[in-house]
Amino acid sequence: MRVISVHHFESQDVSTVSTPLASTTTPDNKLLVATDNLVVEVRELQSSGQLTHSFQTIDVVTKIILDFD
């Protein structure tokens, strides 16, 4: 297990994610976490990191890049 610190400054919540490979936050207070079982989880930071949904990928995710252009 690896600990990834994500600070959203409204509170300090601790959530356990099984084998995170990459993560990032979004402007609308979501946390995207790529796991080793080819899934990207979408978590709601305003709800203590509650998993809202997830989606399968076709390969291991090593980096998540958000592009809003």
PDB file of N, CA and C in Angstrom:
ATOM      1  N   MET A   1       0.849  -1.168   0.000  1.00  0.00           N
ATOM      2  CA  MET A   1       0.000   0.000   0.000  1.00  0.00           C
ATOM      3  C   MET A   1       0.897   1.233   0.000  1.00  0.00           C
ATOM      4  N   ARG A   2       0.470   2.261  -0.729  1.00  0.00           N
ATOM      5  CA  ARG A   2       1.207   3.514  -0.801  1.00  0.00           C
ATOM      6  C   ARG A   2       0.267   4.633  -0.385  1.00  0.00           C
ATOM      7  N   VAL A   3       0.760   5.585   0.374  1.00  0.00           N
ATOM      8  CA  VAL A   3      -0.051   6.717   0.816  1.00  0.00           C
ATOM      9  C   VAL A   3       0.189   7.877  -0.137  1.00  0.00           C
ATOM     10  N   ILE A   4      -0.904   8.416  -0.684  1.00  0.00           N
ATOM     11  CA  ILE A   4      -0.839   9.593  -1.544  1.00  0.00           C
ATOM     12  C   ILE A   4      -1.588  10.703  -0.830  1.00  0.00           C
ATOM     13  N   SER A   5      -0.896  11.771  -0.525  1.00  0.00           N
ATOM     14  CA  SER A   5      -1.523  12.895   0.174  1.00  0.00           C
ATOM     15  C   SER A   5      -2.183  13.818  -0.837  1.00  0.00           C
ATOM     16  N   VAL A   6      -3.439  14.116  -0.604  1.00  0.00           N
ATOM     17  CA  VAL A   6      -4.176  15.069  -1.425  1.00  0.00           C
ATOM     18  C   VAL A   6      -4.817  16.064  -0.469  1.00  0.00           C
ATOM     19  N   HIS A   7      -4.458  17.319  -0.604  1.00  0.00           N
ATOM     20  CA  HIS A   7      -4.958  18.342   0.317  1.00  0.00           C
ATOM     21  C   HIS A   7      -6.015  19.193  -0.378  1.00  0.00           C
ATOM     22  N   HIS A   8      -7.217  19.142   0.147  1.00  0.00           N
ATOM     23  CA  HIS A   8      -8.282  19.971  -0.414  1.00  0.00           C
ATOM     24  C   HIS A   8      -8.712  21.049   0.572  1.00  0.00           C
ATOM     25  N   PHE A   9      -8.085  21.100   1.723  1.00  0.00           N
ATOM     26  CA  PHE A   9      -8.144  22.193   2.683  1.00  0.00           C
ATOM     27  C   PHE A   9      -9.503  22.479   3.308  1.00  0.00           C
ATOM     28  N   GLU A  10     -10.526  21.718   3.004  1.00  0.00           N
ATOM     29  CA  GLU A  10     -11.795  21.904   3.710  1.00  0.00           C
ATOM     30  C   GLU A  10     -11.809  21.076   4.989  1.00  0.00           C
ATOM     31  N   SER A  11     -11.163  19.942   4.941  1.00  0.00           N
ATOM     32  CA  SER A  11     -11.037  19.082   6.105  1.00  0.00           C
ATOM     33  C   SER A  11      -9.909  18.107   5.823  1.00  0.00           C
ATOM     34  N   GLN A  12      -9.611  17.289   6.795  1.00  0.00           N
ATOM     35  CA  GLN A  12      -8.579  16.290   6.582  1.00  0.00           C
ATOM     36  C   GLN A  12      -9.221  14.922   6.721  1.00  0.00           C
ATOM     37  N   ASP A  13      -9.476  14.280   5.592  1.00  0.00           N
ATOM     38  CA  ASP A  13     -10.083  12.962   5.567  1.00  0.00           C
ATOM     39  C   ASP A  13      -9.032  11.950   5.129  1.00  0.00           C
ATOM     40  N   VAL A  14      -9.143  10.751   5.649  1.00  0.00           N
ATOM     41  CA  VAL A  14      -8.236   9.681   5.262  1.00  0.00           C
ATOM     42  C   VAL A  14      -9.062   8.575   4.636  1.00  0.00           C
ATOM     43  N   SER A  15      -8.709   8.212   3.411  1.00  0.00           N
ATOM     44  CA  SER A  15      -9.392   7.131   2.707  1.00  0.00           C
ATOM     45  C   SER A  15      -8.347   6.127   2.257  1.00  0.00           C
ATOM     46  N   THR A  16      -8.716   4.869   2.253  1.00  0.00           N
ATOM     47  CA  THR A  16      -7.821   3.817   1.799  1.00  0.00           C
ATOM     48  C   THR A  16      -8.179   3.434   0.375  1.00  0.00           C
ATOM     49  N   VAL A  17      -7.175   3.424  -0.488  1.00  0.00           N
ATOM     50  CA  VAL A  17      -7.356   3.036  -1.880  1.00  0.00           C
ATOM     51  C   VAL A  17      -6.400   1.884  -2.145  1.00  0.00           C
ATOM     52  N   SER A  18      -6.909   0.816  -2.685  1.00  0.00           N
ATOM     53  CA  SER A  18      -6.092  -0.358  -2.952  1.00  0.00           C
ATOM     54  C   SER A  18      -5.127  -0.101  -4.103  1.00  0.00           C
ATOM     55  N   THR A  19      -3.848  -0.125  -3.827  1.00  0.00           N
ATOM     56  CA  THR A  19      -2.760  -0.014  -4.790  1.00  0.00           C
ATOM     57  C   THR A  19      -2.936   1.124  -5.794  1.00  0.00           C
ATOM     58  N   PRO A  20      -2.880   2.368  -5.346  1.00  0.00           N
ATOM     59  CA  PRO A  20      -2.979   3.490  -6.286  1.00  0.00           C
ATOM     60  C   PRO A  20      -1.718   3.620  -7.139  1.00  0.00           C
ATOM     61  N   LEU A  21      -1.886   3.846  -8.427  1.00  0.00           N
ATOM     62  CA  LEU A  21      -0.760   4.025  -9.335  1.00  0.00           C
ATOM     63  C   LEU A  21      -0.569   5.479  -9.722  1.00  0.00           C
ATOM     64  N   ALA A  22      -1.666   6.216  -9.831  1.00  0.00           N
ATOM     65  CA  ALA A  22      -1.623   7.629 -10.200  1.00  0.00           C
ATOM     66  C   ALA A  22      -2.877   8.290  -9.650  1.00  0.00           C
ATOM     67  N   SER A  23      -2.782   9.588  -9.391  1.00  0.00           N
ATOM     68  CA  SER A  23      -3.963  10.306  -8.915  1.00  0.00           C
ATOM     69  C   SER A  23      -3.841  11.777  -9.271  1.00  0.00           C
ATOM     70  N   THR A  24      -4.985  12.438  -9.308  1.00  0.00           N
ATOM     71  CA  THR A  24      -5.033  13.887  -9.501  1.00  0.00           C
ATOM     72  C   THR A  24      -6.385  14.381  -8.997  1.00  0.00           C
ATOM     73  N   THR A  25      -6.463  15.670  -8.744  1.00  0.00           N
ATOM     74  CA  THR A  25      -7.729  16.285  -8.387  1.00  0.00           C
ATOM     75  C   THR A  25      -8.252  17.077  -9.572  1.00  0.00           C
ATOM     76  N   THR A  26      -9.547  17.344  -9.551  1.00  0.00           N
ATOM     77  CA  THR A  26     -10.181  18.115 -10.612  1.00  0.00           C
ATOM     78  C   THR A  26     -10.702  19.423 -10.032  1.00  0.00           C
ATOM     79  N   PRO A  27     -10.970  20.417 -10.869  1.00  0.00           N
ATOM     80  CA  PRO A  27     -11.478  21.695 -10.363  1.00  0.00           C
ATOM     81  C   PRO A  27     -12.828  21.585  -9.644  1.00  0.00           C
ATOM     82  N   ASP A  28     -13.592  20.536  -9.918  1.00  0.00           N
ATOM     83  CA  ASP A  28     -14.903  20.391  -9.269  1.00  0.00           C
ATOM     84  C   ASP A  28     -14.846  19.443  -8.068  1.00  0.00           C
ATOM     85  N   ASN A  29     -13.695  19.428  -7.354  1.00  0.00           N
ATOM     86  CA  ASN A  29     -13.515  18.685  -6.105  1.00  0.00           C
ATOM     87  C   ASN A  29     -13.699  17.180  -6.236  1.00  0.00           C
ATOM     88  N   LYS A  30     -13.181  16.628  -7.304  1.00  0.00           N
ATOM     89  CA  LYS A  30     -13.165  15.182  -7.481  1.00  0.00           C
ATOM     90  C   LYS A  30     -11.716  14.710  -7.376  1.00  0.00           C
ATOM     91  N   LEU A  31     -11.538  13.481  -6.968  1.00  0.00           N
ATOM     92  CA  LEU A  31     -10.238  12.835  -6.931  1.00  0.00           C
ATOM     93  C   LEU A  31     -10.287  11.663  -7.896  1.00  0.00           C
ATOM     94  N   LEU A  32      -9.371  11.643  -8.859  1.00  0.00           N
ATOM     95  CA  LEU A  32      -9.269  10.535  -9.797  1.00  0.00           C
ATOM     96  C   LEU A  32      -8.100   9.669  -9.361  1.00  0.00           C
ATOM     97  N   VAL A  33      -8.352   8.373  -9.204  1.00  0.00           N
ATOM     98  CA  VAL A  33      -7.322   7.451  -8.740  1.00  0.00           C
ATOM     99  C   VAL A  33      -7.267   6.261  -9.687  1.00  0.00           C
ATOM    100  N   ALA A  34      -6.096   6.033 -10.260  1.00  0.00           N
ATOM    101  CA  ALA A  34      -5.890   4.856 -11.106  1.00  0.00           C
ATOM    102  C   ALA A  34      -5.358   3.724 -10.234  1.00  0.00           C
ATOM    103  N   THR A  35      -5.935   2.546 -10.359  1.00  0.00           N
ATOM    104  CA  THR A  35      -5.515   1.397  -9.572  1.00  0.00           C
ATOM    105  C   THR A  35      -4.861   0.348 -10.468  1.00  0.00           C
ATOM    106  N   ASP A  36      -4.223  -0.618  -9.841  1.00  0.00           N
ATOM    107  CA  ASP A  36      -3.504  -1.634 -10.607  1.00  0.00           C
ATOM    108  C   ASP A  36      -4.406  -2.668 -11.272  1.00  0.00           C
ATOM    109  N   ASN A  37      -5.697  -2.629 -11.004  1.00  0.00           N
ATOM    110  CA  ASN A  37      -6.618  -3.572 -11.661  1.00  0.00           C
ATOM    111  C   ASN A  37      -7.326  -2.927 -12.858  1.00  0.00           C
ATOM    112  N   LEU A  38      -6.643  -1.960 -13.499  1.00  0.00           N
ATOM    113  CA  LEU A  38      -7.114  -1.307 -14.730  1.00  0.00           C
ATOM    114  C   LEU A  38      -8.439  -0.573 -14.540  1.00  0.00           C
ATOM    115  N   VAL A  39      -8.543   0.148 -13.453  1.00  0.00           N
ATOM    116  CA  VAL A  39      -9.741   0.925 -13.137  1.00  0.00           C
ATOM    117  C   VAL A  39      -9.316   2.325 -12.713  1.00  0.00           C
ATOM    118  N   VAL A  40     -10.080   3.329 -13.150  1.00  0.00           N
ATOM    119  CA  VAL A  40      -9.935   4.683 -12.632  1.00  0.00           C
ATOM    120  C   VAL A  40     -11.163   4.949 -11.768  1.00  0.00           C
ATOM    121  N   GLU A  41     -10.913   5.258 -10.501  1.00  0.00           N
ATOM    122  CA  GLU A  41     -11.997   5.557  -9.568  1.00  0.00           C
ATOM    123  C   GLU A  41     -12.200   7.063  -9.500  1.00  0.00           C
ATOM    124  N   VAL A  42     -13.448   7.490  -9.407  1.00  0.00           N
ATOM    125  CA  VAL A  42     -13.787   8.898  -9.235  1.00  0.00           C
ATOM    126  C   VAL A  42     -14.357   9.036  -7.830  1.00  0.00           C
ATOM    127  N   ARG A  43     -13.694   9.854  -7.015  1.00  0.00           N
ATOM    128  CA  ARG A  43     -14.112  10.033  -5.624  1.00  0.00           C
ATOM    129  C   ARG A  43     -14.489  11.491  -5.385  1.00  0.00           C
ATOM    130  N   GLU A  44     -15.447  11.711  -4.520  1.00  0.00           N
ATOM    131  CA  GLU A  44     -15.957  13.046  -4.202  1.00  0.00           C
ATOM    132  C   GLU A  44     -15.257  13.567  -2.951  1.00  0.00           C
ATOM    133  N   LEU A  45     -14.423  14.594  -3.105  1.00  0.00           N
ATOM    134  CA  LEU A  45     -13.675  15.124  -1.970  1.00  0.00           C
ATOM    135  C   LEU A  45     -14.575  15.798  -0.935  1.00  0.00           C
ATOM    136  N   GLN A  46     -15.686  16.355  -1.346  1.00  0.00           N
ATOM    137  CA  GLN A  46     -16.594  17.008  -0.398  1.00  0.00           C
ATOM    138  C   GLN A  46     -17.423  16.012   0.392  1.00  0.00           C
ATOM    139  N   SER A  47     -17.325  14.732   0.055  1.00  0.00           N
ATOM    140  CA  SER A  47     -18.054  13.679   0.770  1.00  0.00           C
ATOM    141  C   SER A  47     -17.079  12.649   1.328  1.00  0.00           C
ATOM    142  N   SER A  48     -16.003  13.125   1.932  1.00  0.00           N
ATOM    143  CA  SER A  48     -15.006  12.268   2.576  1.00  0.00           C
ATOM    144  C   SER A  48     -14.399  11.227   1.640  1.00  0.00           C
ATOM    145  N   GLY A  49     -14.222  11.572   0.386  1.00  0.00           N
ATOM    146  CA  GLY A  49     -13.592  10.662  -0.562  1.00  0.00           C
ATOM    147  C   GLY A  49     -14.469   9.516  -1.015  1.00  0.00           C
ATOM    148  N   GLN A  50     -15.777   9.691  -0.909  1.00  0.00           N
ATOM    149  CA  GLN A  50     -16.714   8.628  -1.294  1.00  0.00           C
ATOM    150  C   GLN A  50     -16.578   8.314  -2.785  1.00  0.00           C
ATOM    151  N   LEU A  51     -16.514   7.025  -3.100  1.00  0.00           N
ATOM    152  CA  LEU A  51     -16.444   6.573  -4.481  1.00  0.00           C
ATOM    153  C   LEU A  51     -17.781   6.831  -5.157  1.00  0.00           C
ATOM    154  N   THR A  52     -17.777   7.623  -6.225  1.00  0.00           N
ATOM    155  CA  THR A  52     -19.026   7.909  -6.931  1.00  0.00           C
ATOM    156  C   THR A  52     -19.207   7.011  -8.144  1.00  0.00           C
ATOM    157  N   HIS A  53     -18.126   6.735  -8.839  1.00  0.00           N
ATOM    158  CA  HIS A  53     -18.174   5.782  -9.948  1.00  0.00           C
ATOM    159  C   HIS A  53     -16.749   5.430 -10.370  1.00  0.00           C
ATOM    160  N   SER A  54     -16.642   4.484 -11.263  1.00  0.00           N
ATOM    161  CA  SER A  54     -15.337   4.064 -11.766  1.00  0.00           C
ATOM    162  C   SER A  54     -15.492   3.618 -13.207  1.00  0.00           C
ATOM    163  N   PHE A  55     -14.360   3.542 -13.914  1.00  0.00           N
ATOM    164  CA  PHE A  55     -14.409   3.037 -15.281  1.00  0.00           C
ATOM    165  C   PHE A  55     -13.147   2.247 -15.582  1.00  0.00           C
ATOM    166  N   GLN A  56     -13.308   1.235 -16.411  1.00  0.00           N
ATOM    167  CA  GLN A  56     -12.214   0.357 -16.812  1.00  0.00           C
ATOM    168  C   GLN A  56     -11.308   1.063 -17.813  1.00  0.00           C
ATOM    169  N   THR A  57     -10.037   0.700 -17.800  1.00  0.00           N
ATOM    170  CA  THR A  57      -9.090   1.143 -18.811  1.00  0.00           C
ATOM    171  C   THR A  57      -8.586  -0.094 -19.545  1.00  0.00           C
ATOM    172  N   ILE A  58      -7.905   0.104 -20.650  1.00  0.00           N
ATOM    173  CA  ILE A  58      -7.418  -1.050 -21.402  1.00  0.00           C
ATOM    174  C   ILE A  58      -5.950  -1.355 -21.100  1.00  0.00           C
ATOM    175  N   ASP A  59      -5.307  -0.506 -20.304  1.00  0.00           N
ATOM    176  CA  ASP A  59      -3.917  -0.720 -19.924  1.00  0.00           C
ATOM    177  C   ASP A  59      -3.684  -0.056 -18.570  1.00  0.00           C
ATOM    178  N   VAL A  60      -2.543  -0.296 -17.988  1.00  0.00           N
ATOM    179  CA  VAL A  60      -2.204   0.305 -16.697  1.00  0.00           C
ATOM    180  C   VAL A  60      -2.006   1.806 -16.873  1.00  0.00           C
ATOM    181  N   VAL A  61      -2.652   2.580 -16.026  1.00  0.00           N
ATOM    182  CA  VAL A  61      -2.521   4.043 -16.057  1.00  0.00           C
ATOM    183  C   VAL A  61      -1.318   4.428 -15.210  1.00  0.00           C
ATOM    184  N   THR A  62      -0.386   5.173 -15.792  1.00  0.00           N
ATOM    185  CA  THR A  62       0.794   5.618 -15.052  1.00  0.00           C
ATOM    186  C   THR A  62       0.779   7.110 -14.774  1.00  0.00           C
ATOM    187  N   LYS A  63      -0.065   7.840 -15.496  1.00  0.00           N
ATOM    188  CA  LYS A  63      -0.146   9.292 -15.299  1.00  0.00           C
ATOM    189  C   LYS A  63      -1.542   9.749 -15.705  1.00  0.00           C
ATOM    190  N   ILE A  64      -2.101  10.686 -14.949  1.00  0.00           N
ATOM    191  CA  ILE A  64      -3.390  11.285 -15.283  1.00  0.00           C
ATOM    192  C   ILE A  64      -3.142  12.760 -15.540  1.00  0.00           C
ATOM    193  N   ILE A  65      -3.509  13.213 -16.720  1.00  0.00           N
ATOM    194  CA  ILE A  65      -3.319  14.612 -17.098  1.00  0.00           C
ATOM    195  C   ILE A  65      -4.679  15.199 -17.466  1.00  0.00           C
ATOM    196  N   LEU A  66      -5.041  16.299 -16.842  1.00  0.00           N
ATOM    197  CA  LEU A  66      -6.288  16.994 -17.168  1.00  0.00           C
ATOM    198  C   LEU A  66      -5.953  18.161 -18.088  1.00  0.00           C
ATOM    199  N   ASP A  67      -6.687  18.278 -19.162  1.00  0.00           N
ATOM    200  CA  ASP A  67      -6.474  19.361 -20.125  1.00  0.00           C
ATOM    201  C   ASP A  67      -7.808  20.045 -20.373  1.00  0.00           C
ATOM    202  N   PHE A  68      -7.917  21.298 -19.962  1.00  0.00           N
ATOM    203  CA  PHE A  68      -9.180  22.024 -20.083  1.00  0.00           C
ATOM    204  C   PHE A  68      -9.166  23.039 -21.199  1.00  0.00           C
ATOM    205  N   ASP A  69      -8.257  22.925 -22.135  1.00  0.00           N
ATOM    206  CA  ASP A  69      -8.203  23.869 -23.276  1.00  0.00           C
ATOM    207  C   ASP A  69      -9.218  23.516 -24.328  1.00  0.00           C
TER     208      ASP A  69
END
